[in-house]
């Protein structure tokens, strides 16, 4: 097992350092320049976009709103990547990994905007509203169904199975740490019990469809984020005098001569970008699956809303974890994952805070499980419309939820890095040629803003763009009515 972990880790490091990170950086810079830094220029519009209301779906119920789509993606984003992933980045790449996480958070906002805008443009209707994502814009925008099939398979494996196992593994590990703090040593029963409980809770939600997932995410995401951020602010306030030193440590470790001499800067960059991407998912191709579900009057609106999610995830939630750990002056390498964050919080506030963080991890990882499930379901819907396949996926998902709770944490994380890298590569290769379409949509959006209008899009505004199923000109009455409610 150690040999397998070592081989996978070595391949992952080379794959990310020489292929994924350069490709993501080049595309993000290109989209930033061509869009006029949309991720910074239109921040007020990002907030405004979240207020759009949903329309009525074809089955008579409400379609997913912009905020609910944001919550689904946030449910997947705000999970182990923020608590366990940041801790792992610091353990492996040092404090400098945090700076590279911030830098890429700003830069990749443009890529997040492009992929979610494209997902909105090429979305399709279903009974409960809409669905879409990279597989759909690969088929409809590029005319490359084979590429969409590859992506759909990889994202289903990545989120439906591997990332799902990461989330349940993190829940199991966090609960183990909390129980051990009570002095309980015989814990062979704990992981199977946690896995079974998680399976039962997950089944109740996912068998209720996307609306139930959206409702649960909409309720839990703000609640868990506020609790976690509140804890972080308390710790920072208690250690306000040390904050400047921690910031200096982050910067010096990211650029310091000692790190360059020891090749530590490479580890900082790789871990910062890799764990940052696991957390904010920009360029990964996952968030567009949630963004496509929203009923909005212009594709750009949801592109902006999803970009705001990158900022909230990386600059707010991930930074909270980083300061919790670094203000505790941890010994890198002794602990990884959620245990490092739990130990840091316990050092600041005492044992009671460790148990509260366990509850937070349970909430964030559980909502991530739900978001991960939907990403897989949406892409299986791209591959086939047979209900039996979706039902089989549900049961396979629940099995992986259980196995993740009892599995090896190191192997699970290494497999997550591998499948995430493959998924990101396929998506980025599709965004390179399709990005110009998203930029044209942005020009249409900003032109309507300059005219004092609330932007509304119909596909005849880009008549040369083919493969668009929704946005029919005859629907603009409904879209105008919806826009008027924003």
Protein backbone atom coordinates (compact mmCIF):
# COMPACT_ATOMS: atom_id res chain seq x y z
CA UNK A 1 0.00 0.00 0.00
CA UNK A 2 2.85 2.41 0.82
CA UNK A 3 4.46 1.70 -2.54
CA UNK A 4 1.18 2.37 -4.38
CA UNK A 5 0.71 5.64 -2.48
CA UNK A 6 4.26 6.69 -3.33
CA UNK A 7 3.86 5.99 -7.04
CA UNK A 8 0.52 7.80 -7.27
CA UNK A 9 1.89 10.80 -5.34
CA UNK A 10 4.95 11.07 -7.62
CA UNK A 11 2.83 10.92 -10.78
CA UNK A 12 0.43 13.51 -9.34
CA UNK A 13 3.25 15.95 -8.55
CA UNK A 14 4.65 15.81 -12.08
CA UNK A 15 1.19 15.92 -13.69
CA UNK A 16 0.18 19.03 -11.76
CA UNK A 17 3.50 20.88 -11.86
CA UNK A 18 4.21 20.47 -15.57
CA UNK A 19 0.75 20.31 -17.14
CA UNK A 20 -2.32 21.32 -15.11
CA UNK A 21 -0.92 24.37 -13.28
CA UNK A 22 0.70 25.96 -16.37
CA UNK A 23 -2.43 25.36 -18.49
CA UNK A 24 -4.75 26.76 -15.82
CA UNK A 25 -2.51 29.79 -15.28
CA UNK A 26 -2.18 30.60 -18.99
CA UNK A 27 -5.93 30.33 -19.64
CA UNK A 28 -6.76 32.34 -16.51
CA UNK A 29 -4.40 35.15 -17.53
CA UNK A 30 -5.82 35.12 -21.05
CA UNK A 31 -9.44 35.26 -19.86
CA UNK A 32 -8.56 37.95 -17.31
CA UNK A 33 -6.99 40.18 -19.96
CA UNK A 34 -9.63 39.58 -22.64
CA UNK A 35 -12.52 40.14 -20.22
CA UNK A 36 -11.06 43.29 -18.71
CA UNK A 37 -10.61 41.51 -15.36
CA UNK A 38 -14.30 40.60 -15.12
CA UNK A 39 -13.66 38.85 -11.79
CA UNK A 40 -12.78 42.20 -10.22
CA UNK A 41 -14.65 44.69 -12.38
CA UNK A 42 -18.15 43.28 -11.87
CA UNK A 43 -18.14 42.27 -8.21
CA UNK A 44 -21.30 44.36 -7.48
CA UNK A 45 -23.09 42.53 -10.32
CA UNK A 46 -22.08 39.22 -8.74
CA UNK A 47 -23.97 40.08 -5.58
CA UNK A 48 -26.95 41.36 -7.54
CA UNK A 49 -27.12 38.19 -9.64
CA UNK A 50 -27.81 36.06 -6.56
CA UNK A 51 -31.14 37.83 -6.03
CA UNK A 52 -32.81 36.51 -9.18
CA UNK A 53 -35.87 34.35 -8.57
CA UNK A 54 -36.69 31.05 -10.18
CA UNK A 55 -39.31 30.37 -12.83
CA UNK A 56 -41.83 27.53 -12.94
CA UNK A 57 -40.39 24.24 -14.22
CA UNK A 58 -42.13 21.96 -16.71
CA UNK A 59 -43.42 19.71 -13.92
CA UNK A 60 -45.19 22.63 -12.21
CA UNK A 61 -42.68 23.12 -9.39
CA UNK A 62 -40.17 25.92 -9.01
CA UNK A 63 -36.94 25.67 -10.99
CA UNK A 64 -33.68 26.10 -9.09
CA UNK A 65 -32.94 29.77 -8.35
CA UNK A 66 -29.61 31.50 -8.85
CA UNK A 67 -28.90 31.41 -5.12
CA UNK A 68 -29.86 27.74 -4.83
CA UNK A 69 -27.51 26.88 -7.71
CA UNK A 70 -24.84 28.92 -5.93
CA UNK A 71 -25.60 26.97 -2.73
CA UNK A 72 -25.30 23.59 -4.48
CA UNK A 73 -21.86 24.51 -5.82
CA UNK A 74 -20.91 26.08 -2.47
CA UNK A 75 -22.01 22.87 -0.76
CA UNK A 76 -19.45 20.99 -2.86
CA UNK A 77 -16.82 23.74 -2.56
CA UNK A 78 -17.11 24.44 1.17
CA UNK A 79 -16.10 21.06 2.45
CA UNK A 80 -12.96 19.14 3.18
CA UNK A 81 -11.03 21.34 0.74
CA UNK A 82 -11.44 24.25 3.14
CA UNK A 83 -10.65 22.42 6.36
CA UNK A 84 -8.71 19.28 5.47
CA UNK A 85 -7.34 20.45 2.11
CA UNK A 86 -5.85 23.71 3.39
CA UNK A 87 -4.35 21.86 6.35
CA UNK A 88 -2.77 19.33 3.99
CA UNK A 89 -1.41 22.13 1.77
CA UNK A 90 0.29 23.76 4.77
CA UNK A 91 1.62 20.42 6.04
CA UNK A 92 3.13 19.52 2.66
CA UNK A 93 3.94 22.91 1.13
CA UNK A 94 4.50 25.10 4.18
CA UNK A 95 2.89 28.48 4.95
CA UNK A 96 3.83 29.76 1.47
CA UNK A 97 1.16 27.50 -0.04
CA UNK A 98 -1.45 29.89 1.38
CA UNK A 99 -0.19 32.82 -0.71
CA UNK A 100 -0.32 30.79 -3.91
CA UNK A 101 -3.83 29.72 -2.98
CA UNK A 102 -4.80 33.41 -2.72
CA UNK A 103 -3.08 34.39 -5.96
CA UNK A 104 -4.75 31.63 -7.91
CA UNK A 105 -8.08 32.41 -6.24
CA UNK A 106 -8.03 35.89 -7.79
CA UNK A 107 -6.68 34.73 -11.12
CA UNK A 108 -8.93 31.72 -11.73
CA UNK A 109 -12.07 33.76 -11.09
CA UNK A 110 -12.06 34.56 -14.81
CA UNK A 111 -11.93 30.87 -15.70
CA UNK A 112 -14.79 30.14 -13.31
CA UNK A 113 -16.80 32.89 -14.98
CA UNK A 114 -16.20 31.46 -18.45
CA UNK A 115 -17.08 27.85 -17.62
CA UNK A 116 -20.29 28.68 -15.73
CA UNK A 117 -21.44 31.16 -18.39
CA UNK A 118 -20.94 28.50 -21.05
CA UNK A 119 -22.84 25.97 -18.93
CA UNK A 120 -25.79 28.37 -18.81
CA UNK A 121 -25.71 29.01 -22.56
CA UNK A 122 -25.66 25.33 -23.53
CA UNK A 123 -27.94 24.00 -20.78
CA UNK A 124 -30.95 21.82 -21.59
CA UNK A 125 -34.41 21.52 -20.05
CA UNK A 126 -35.53 18.66 -17.86
CA UNK A 127 -38.64 18.03 -15.74
CA UNK A 128 -37.41 19.96 -12.71
CA UNK A 129 -35.83 22.86 -14.60
CA UNK A 130 -32.43 22.74 -16.29
CA UNK A 131 -29.23 20.74 -16.31
CA UNK A 132 -25.92 21.23 -18.04
CA UNK A 133 -22.17 21.51 -17.55
CA UNK A 134 -18.92 20.91 -19.43
CA UNK A 135 -20.12 17.66 -21.04
CA UNK A 136 -23.01 19.62 -22.56
CA UNK A 137 -20.91 22.51 -23.88
CA UNK A 138 -18.36 20.08 -25.26
CA UNK A 139 -21.08 18.32 -27.26
CA UNK A 140 -23.14 21.37 -28.23
CA UNK A 141 -20.43 24.01 -28.46
CA UNK A 142 -17.56 21.98 -29.89
CA UNK A 143 -19.58 19.26 -31.60
CA UNK A 144 -17.41 16.74 -29.74
CA UNK A 145 -19.72 14.31 -27.97
CA UNK A 146 -16.81 11.94 -27.43
CA UNK A 147 -15.12 14.62 -25.34
CA UNK A 148 -18.31 15.17 -23.36
CA UNK A 149 -18.56 11.43 -22.73
CA UNK A 150 -14.96 11.33 -21.44
CA UNK A 151 -15.65 14.27 -19.15
CA UNK A 152 -18.97 12.86 -17.92
CA UNK A 153 -17.33 9.55 -17.01
CA UNK A 154 -14.37 11.22 -15.28
CA UNK A 155 -16.46 13.68 -13.24
CA UNK A 156 -18.83 10.90 -12.18
CA UNK A 157 -15.89 8.84 -10.96
CA UNK A 158 -14.19 11.89 -9.42
CA UNK A 159 -17.13 13.41 -7.56
CA UNK A 160 -19.57 10.53 -7.36
CA UNK A 161 -17.00 8.10 -6.02
CA UNK A 162 -13.54 9.44 -5.16
CA UNK A 163 -14.40 12.91 -3.77
CA UNK A 164 -17.40 11.41 -2.07
CA UNK A 165 -15.08 8.97 -0.33
CA UNK A 166 -12.84 11.91 0.66
CA UNK A 167 -15.78 13.66 2.32
CA UNK A 168 -16.97 10.60 4.26
CA UNK A 169 -13.37 9.78 5.19
CA UNK A 170 -12.96 13.28 6.59
CA UNK A 171 -16.17 13.00 8.61
CA UNK A 172 -15.02 9.67 10.03
CA UNK A 173 -11.56 11.03 10.89
CA UNK A 174 -12.93 14.16 12.54
CA UNK A 175 -15.36 12.18 14.68
CA UNK A 176 -12.55 9.79 15.67
CA UNK A 177 -10.38 12.72 16.82
CA UNK A 178 -13.27 14.13 18.84
CA UNK A 179 -14.11 10.79 20.47
CA UNK A 180 -10.45 10.18 21.34
CA UNK A 181 -10.42 13.55 23.11
CA UNK A 182 -13.00 12.05 25.48
CA UNK A 183 -10.54 9.29 26.40
CA UNK A 184 -12.11 6.47 24.38
CA UNK A 185 -9.43 4.19 22.90
CA UNK A 186 -11.28 1.16 21.51
CA UNK A 187 -12.65 2.63 18.27
CA UNK A 188 -12.76 -0.24 15.77
CA UNK A 189 -16.56 0.08 15.70
CA UNK A 190 -16.60 3.83 15.06
CA UNK A 191 -15.81 4.08 11.34
CA UNK A 192 -18.44 1.51 10.24
CA UNK A 193 -21.03 3.18 12.49
CA UNK A 194 -20.25 6.61 11.03
CA UNK A 195 -20.36 5.23 7.50
CA UNK A 196 -23.73 3.57 8.00
CA UNK A 197 -25.24 6.70 9.59
CA UNK A 198 -23.95 8.86 6.75
CA UNK A 199 -25.41 6.48 4.18
CA UNK A 200 -28.86 6.70 5.77
CA UNK A 201 -28.82 10.52 5.95
CA UNK A 202 -27.58 10.84 2.38
CA UNK A 203 -30.19 8.43 1.02
CA UNK A 204 -33.02 10.48 2.53
CA UNK A 205 -31.87 13.55 0.58
CA UNK A 206 -30.68 12.21 -2.78
CA UNK A 207 -33.78 10.11 -3.37
CA UNK A 208 -35.74 13.38 -3.11
CA UNK A 209 -34.18 14.81 -6.28
CA UNK A 210 -32.35 18.04 -7.10
CA UNK A 211 -34.94 20.26 -5.40
CA UNK A 212 -34.40 18.56 -2.04
CA UNK A 213 -30.62 18.79 -2.51
CA UNK A 214 -30.97 22.52 -3.30
CA UNK A 215 -33.22 23.11 -0.28
CA UNK A 216 -30.87 21.33 2.12
CA UNK A 217 -27.85 23.14 0.67
CA UNK A 218 -29.62 26.50 0.84
CA UNK A 219 -30.34 25.90 4.54
CA UNK A 220 -27.06 24.39 5.73
CA UNK A 221 -24.43 26.31 3.73
CA UNK A 222 -25.01 29.78 5.28
CA UNK A 223 -25.45 28.23 8.75
CA UNK A 224 -22.23 26.22 8.74
CA UNK A 225 -20.21 29.01 7.11
CA UNK A 226 -21.27 31.56 9.72
CA UNK A 227 -20.35 29.25 12.61
CA UNK A 228 -16.94 28.46 11.15
CA UNK A 229 -16.15 32.07 10.27
CA UNK A 230 -17.29 33.13 13.73
CA UNK A 231 -14.81 30.74 15.33
CA UNK A 232 -12.08 32.02 13.04
CA UNK A 233 -12.79 35.65 13.92
CA UNK A 234 -12.65 34.84 17.64
CA UNK A 235 -9.25 33.17 17.24
CA UNK A 236 -7.90 36.03 15.12
CA UNK A 237 -9.17 38.60 17.65
CA UNK A 238 -7.46 36.73 20.52
CA UNK A 239 -4.21 36.65 18.52
CA UNK A 240 -4.42 40.02 16.77
CA UNK A 241 -0.87 40.90 17.76
CA UNK A 242 0.47 37.84 15.91
CA UNK A 243 -1.48 38.32 12.66
CA UNK A 244 1.17 40.56 10.97
CA UNK A 245 3.86 37.97 11.76
CA UNK A 246 1.74 35.19 10.24
CA UNK A 247 1.15 37.22 7.07
CA UNK A 248 4.89 37.86 6.84
CA UNK A 249 5.53 34.14 7.31
CA UNK A 250 3.14 33.30 4.46
CA UNK A 251 4.87 35.76 2.11
CA UNK A 252 8.45 34.91 3.03
CA UNK A 253 7.84 31.18 2.72
CA UNK A 254 6.27 31.70 -0.71
CA UNK A 255 9.25 33.68 -2.06
CA UNK A 256 12.06 33.13 0.47
CA UNK A 257 15.59 32.20 -0.61
CA UNK A 258 15.65 29.29 1.83
CA UNK A 259 12.61 27.76 0.16
CA UNK A 260 14.09 28.30 -3.30
CA UNK A 261 17.34 26.63 -2.29
CA UNK A 262 15.48 23.63 -0.91
CA UNK A 263 13.02 23.48 -3.82
CA UNK A 264 10.37 24.25 -1.21
CA UNK A 265 8.86 26.97 -3.35
CA UNK A 266 7.84 24.34 -5.90
CA UNK A 267 6.07 22.37 -3.19
CA UNK A 268 4.35 25.53 -1.97
CA UNK A 269 3.10 26.38 -5.46
CA UNK A 270 1.95 22.86 -6.26
CA UNK A 271 0.19 22.33 -2.95
CA UNK A 272 -1.32 25.82 -2.90
CA UNK A 273 -2.76 25.56 -6.40
CA UNK A 274 -3.76 21.89 -6.14
CA UNK A 275 -5.54 22.21 -2.80
CA UNK A 276 -6.95 25.57 -3.83
CA UNK A 277 -8.44 23.99 -6.93
CA UNK A 278 -9.82 21.13 -4.87
CA UNK A 279 -11.48 23.75 -2.69
CA UNK A 280 -12.72 26.47 -5.08
CA UNK A 281 -13.07 24.13 -8.11
CA UNK A 282 -12.38 26.95 -10.62
CA UNK A 283 -11.42 25.44 -13.96
CA UNK A 284 -12.18 21.99 -12.70
CA UNK A 285 -15.51 21.77 -14.51
CA UNK A 286 -17.63 20.82 -11.49
CA UNK A 287 -19.30 24.09 -10.45
CA UNK A 288 -20.80 24.66 -13.95
CA UNK A 289 -22.97 21.58 -13.40
CA UNK A 290 -24.64 23.43 -10.52
CA UNK A 291 -24.60 26.79 -12.29
CA UNK A 292 -26.48 25.35 -15.28
CA UNK A 293 -29.47 24.48 -13.08
CA UNK A 294 -30.33 28.12 -12.35
CA UNK A 295 -33.18 29.95 -14.06
CA UNK A 296 -31.75 33.40 -14.89
CA UNK A 297 -32.42 35.96 -17.61
CA UNK A 298 -28.85 36.02 -18.98
CA UNK A 299 -26.06 33.38 -18.92
CA UNK A 300 -23.56 35.91 -17.62
CA UNK A 301 -25.56 36.37 -14.40
CA UNK A 302 -24.83 32.86 -13.22
CA UNK A 303 -21.25 33.08 -14.44
CA UNK A 304 -20.81 36.06 -12.13
CA UNK A 305 -22.61 34.33 -9.24
CA UNK A 306 -20.34 31.28 -9.49
CA UNK A 307 -17.25 33.53 -9.58
CA UNK A 308 -18.35 35.06 -6.30
CA UNK A 309 -18.36 31.53 -4.92
CA UNK A 310 -14.64 31.21 -5.74
CA UNK A 311 -13.87 34.35 -3.74
CA UNK A 312 -16.00 33.32 -0.79
CA UNK A 313 -14.40 29.90 -0.73
CA UNK A 314 -10.74 30.82 -1.19
CA UNK A 315 -10.40 34.30 0.28
CA UNK A 316 -12.78 33.90 3.22
CA UNK A 317 -13.25 30.27 4.27
CA UNK A 318 -9.82 28.90 3.27
CA UNK A 319 -8.09 31.92 4.80
CA UNK A 320 -9.93 31.25 8.06
CA UNK A 321 -8.49 27.73 8.17
CA UNK A 322 -5.00 28.97 7.28
CA UNK A 323 -4.95 31.52 10.10
CA UNK A 324 -6.38 29.03 12.60
CA UNK A 325 -3.48 26.69 11.86
CA UNK A 326 -0.64 29.19 11.49
CA UNK A 327 -1.60 31.18 14.58
CA UNK A 328 -1.26 27.93 16.54
CA UNK A 329 2.34 27.54 15.27
CA UNK A 330 1.87 23.93 14.11
CA UNK A 331 4.60 21.37 13.50
CA UNK A 332 4.17 20.67 9.79
CA UNK A 333 4.12 17.05 8.82
CA UNK A 334 2.98 15.57 12.16
CA UNK A 335 -0.71 15.87 11.35
CA UNK A 336 -2.62 16.29 8.12
CA UNK A 337 -6.16 16.78 7.03
CA UNK A 338 -8.88 17.68 9.53
CA UNK A 339 -6.81 16.58 12.52
CA UNK A 340 -4.33 19.45 12.00
CA UNK A 341 -7.17 22.00 11.94
CA UNK A 342 -8.85 20.42 14.97
CA UNK A 343 -5.63 20.38 16.96
CA UNK A 344 -4.97 24.02 16.07
CA UNK A 345 -8.44 25.13 17.18
CA UNK A 346 -8.12 23.12 20.38
CA UNK A 347 -4.83 24.88 21.12
CA UNK A 348 -6.58 28.24 20.77
CA UNK A 349 -9.91 27.70 22.50
CA UNK A 350 -9.76 24.42 24.40
CA UNK A 351 -11.27 20.96 23.96
CA UNK A 352 -14.85 22.19 23.60
CA UNK A 353 -13.92 23.92 20.32
CA UNK A 354 -12.54 20.66 18.94
CA UNK A 355 -15.99 19.09 19.34
CA UNK A 356 -17.68 22.11 17.77
CA UNK A 357 -15.33 21.89 14.79
CA UNK A 358 -16.24 18.21 14.49
CA UNK A 359 -19.87 19.28 14.09
CA UNK A 360 -18.86 21.89 11.49
CA UNK A 361 -16.84 19.32 9.55
CA UNK A 362 -19.82 16.98 9.68
CA UNK A 363 -22.06 19.68 8.18
CA UNK A 364 -19.65 20.91 5.51
CA UNK A 365 -18.64 17.44 4.42
CA UNK A 366 -22.24 16.22 4.38
CA UNK A 367 -23.35 19.10 2.15
CA UNK A 368 -20.36 18.35 -0.06
CA UNK A 369 -21.55 14.76 -0.35
CA UNK A 370 -24.87 16.07 -1.63
CA UNK A 371 -23.24 18.43 -4.13
CA UNK A 372 -20.94 15.65 -5.31
CA UNK A 373 -23.91 13.38 -5.84
CA UNK A 374 -25.67 15.91 -8.06
CA UNK A 375 -22.59 16.42 -10.23
CA UNK A 376 -22.55 12.71 -10.95
CA UNK A 377 -26.30 12.51 -11.57
CA UNK A 378 -26.23 15.44 -14.00
CA UNK A 379 -23.48 13.82 -16.06
CA UNK A 380 -25.06 10.39 -16.04
CA UNK A 381 -28.10 12.19 -17.46
CA UNK A 382 -25.82 13.30 -20.29
CA UNK A 383 -24.74 9.72 -20.97
CA UNK A 384 -28.15 8.07 -20.78
CA UNK A 385 -31.76 8.86 -19.88
CA UNK A 386 -32.52 5.39 -18.52
CA UNK A 387 -33.96 5.64 -14.97
CA UNK A 388 -32.40 2.30 -14.02
CA UNK A 389 -28.91 3.71 -14.57
CA UNK A 390 -29.61 6.70 -12.32
CA UNK A 391 -30.96 4.36 -9.62
CA UNK A 392 -27.87 2.16 -9.90
CA UNK A 393 -25.69 5.25 -9.56
CA UNK A 394 -27.53 6.22 -6.37
CA UNK A 395 -26.78 2.87 -4.77
CA UNK A 396 -23.16 2.84 -5.96
CA UNK A 397 -22.77 6.34 -4.53
CA UNK A 398 -24.05 5.19 -1.16
CA UNK A 399 -21.68 2.21 -1.18
CA UNK A 400 -18.71 4.54 -1.81
CA UNK A 401 -19.94 6.79 0.99
CA UNK A 402 -19.63 3.84 3.37
CA UNK A 403 -16.28 2.61 2.00
CA UNK A 404 -14.80 6.10 2.22
CA UNK A 405 -15.62 6.25 5.94
CA UNK A 406 -13.60 3.10 6.65
CA UNK A 407 -10.82 3.57 4.04
CA UNK A 408 -7.21 4.81 4.11
CA UNK A 409 -7.07 8.60 4.15
CA UNK A 410 -3.75 8.91 2.31
CA UNK A 411 -4.75 6.64 -0.57
CA UNK A 412 -8.13 8.40 -0.88
CA UNK A 413 -6.48 11.84 -1.11
CA UNK A 414 -3.94 10.67 -3.70
CA UNK A 415 -6.66 9.15 -5.88
CA UNK A 416 -8.62 12.41 -5.58
CA UNK A 417 -5.62 14.36 -6.89
CA UNK A 418 -5.27 12.02 -9.87
CA UNK A 419 -8.88 12.04 -11.01
CA UNK A 420 -9.21 15.78 -10.36
CA UNK A 421 -6.21 16.44 -12.58
CA UNK A 422 -7.63 14.39 -15.46
CA UNK A 423 -10.98 16.10 -15.13
CA UNK A 424 -9.40 19.56 -15.08
CA UNK A 425 -7.30 18.78 -18.16
CA UNK A 426 -10.31 17.75 -20.26
CA UNK A 427 -12.30 20.81 -19.16
CA UNK A 428 -9.48 23.30 -19.75
CA UNK A 429 -8.87 21.93 -23.24
CA UNK A 430 -12.55 22.62 -24.02
CA UNK A 431 -12.52 26.11 -22.51
CA UNK A 432 -9.59 27.23 -24.69
CA UNK A 433 -11.62 27.35 -27.95
CA UNK A 434 -15.02 28.06 -26.37
CA UNK A 435 -13.92 30.95 -24.18
CA UNK A 436 -14.52 33.45 -26.97
CA UNK A 437 -18.26 32.66 -26.86
CA UNK A 438 -18.41 33.49 -23.14
CA UNK A 439 -16.55 36.74 -23.83
CA UNK A 440 -19.12 37.66 -26.49
CA UNK A 441 -21.90 37.00 -23.97
CA UNK A 442 -20.08 39.29 -21.53
CA UNK A 443 -19.97 42.05 -24.15
CA UNK A 444 -23.72 41.65 -24.72
CA UNK A 445 -24.35 41.81 -20.98
CA UNK A 446 -22.24 44.93 -20.34
CA UNK A 447 -23.74 46.69 -23.38
CA UNK A 448 -27.23 46.20 -21.96
CA UNK A 449 -26.01 47.49 -18.60
CA UNK A 450 -24.68 50.64 -20.29
CA UNK A 451 -28.13 51.13 -21.81
CA UNK A 452 -29.63 51.08 -18.31
CA UNK A 453 -31.36 47.72 -18.89
CA UNK A 454 -31.46 44.62 -16.77
CA UNK A 455 -29.74 42.24 -19.21
CA UNK A 456 -31.91 39.62 -20.93
CA UNK A 457 -30.51 37.15 -23.44
CA UNK A 458 -32.11 35.24 -26.30
CA UNK A 459 -30.16 33.10 -28.72
CA UNK A 460 -30.86 35.33 -31.71
CA UNK A 461 -28.47 37.85 -30.15
CA UNK A 462 -25.67 35.47 -31.18
CA UNK A 463 -27.19 33.98 -34.35
CA UNK A 464 -23.97 32.31 -35.52
CA UNK A 465 -23.61 30.26 -32.33
CA UNK A 466 -25.13 26.82 -32.80
CA UNK A 467 -26.10 24.07 -30.37
CA UNK A 468 -28.15 26.32 -28.05
CA UNK A 469 -31.37 24.59 -26.96
CA UNK A 470 -32.75 27.11 -24.46
CA UNK A 471 -32.90 30.91 -24.71
CA UNK A 472 -35.52 30.73 -27.48
CA UNK A 473 -36.63 34.22 -28.69
CA UNK A 474 -40.26 33.35 -27.98
CA UNK A 475 -39.35 32.96 -24.30
CA UNK A 476 -38.23 36.54 -23.80
CA UNK A 477 -41.61 37.55 -22.36
CA UNK A 478 -41.10 35.09 -19.52
CA UNK A 479 -37.47 36.16 -19.17
CA UNK A 480 -38.43 39.84 -19.05
CA UNK A 481 -41.05 39.04 -16.40
CA UNK A 482 -38.45 37.11 -14.43
CA UNK A 483 -35.90 39.90 -14.80
CA UNK A 484 -38.44 42.42 -13.54
CA UNK A 485 -38.69 40.42 -10.29
CA UNK A 486 -34.95 40.60 -9.62
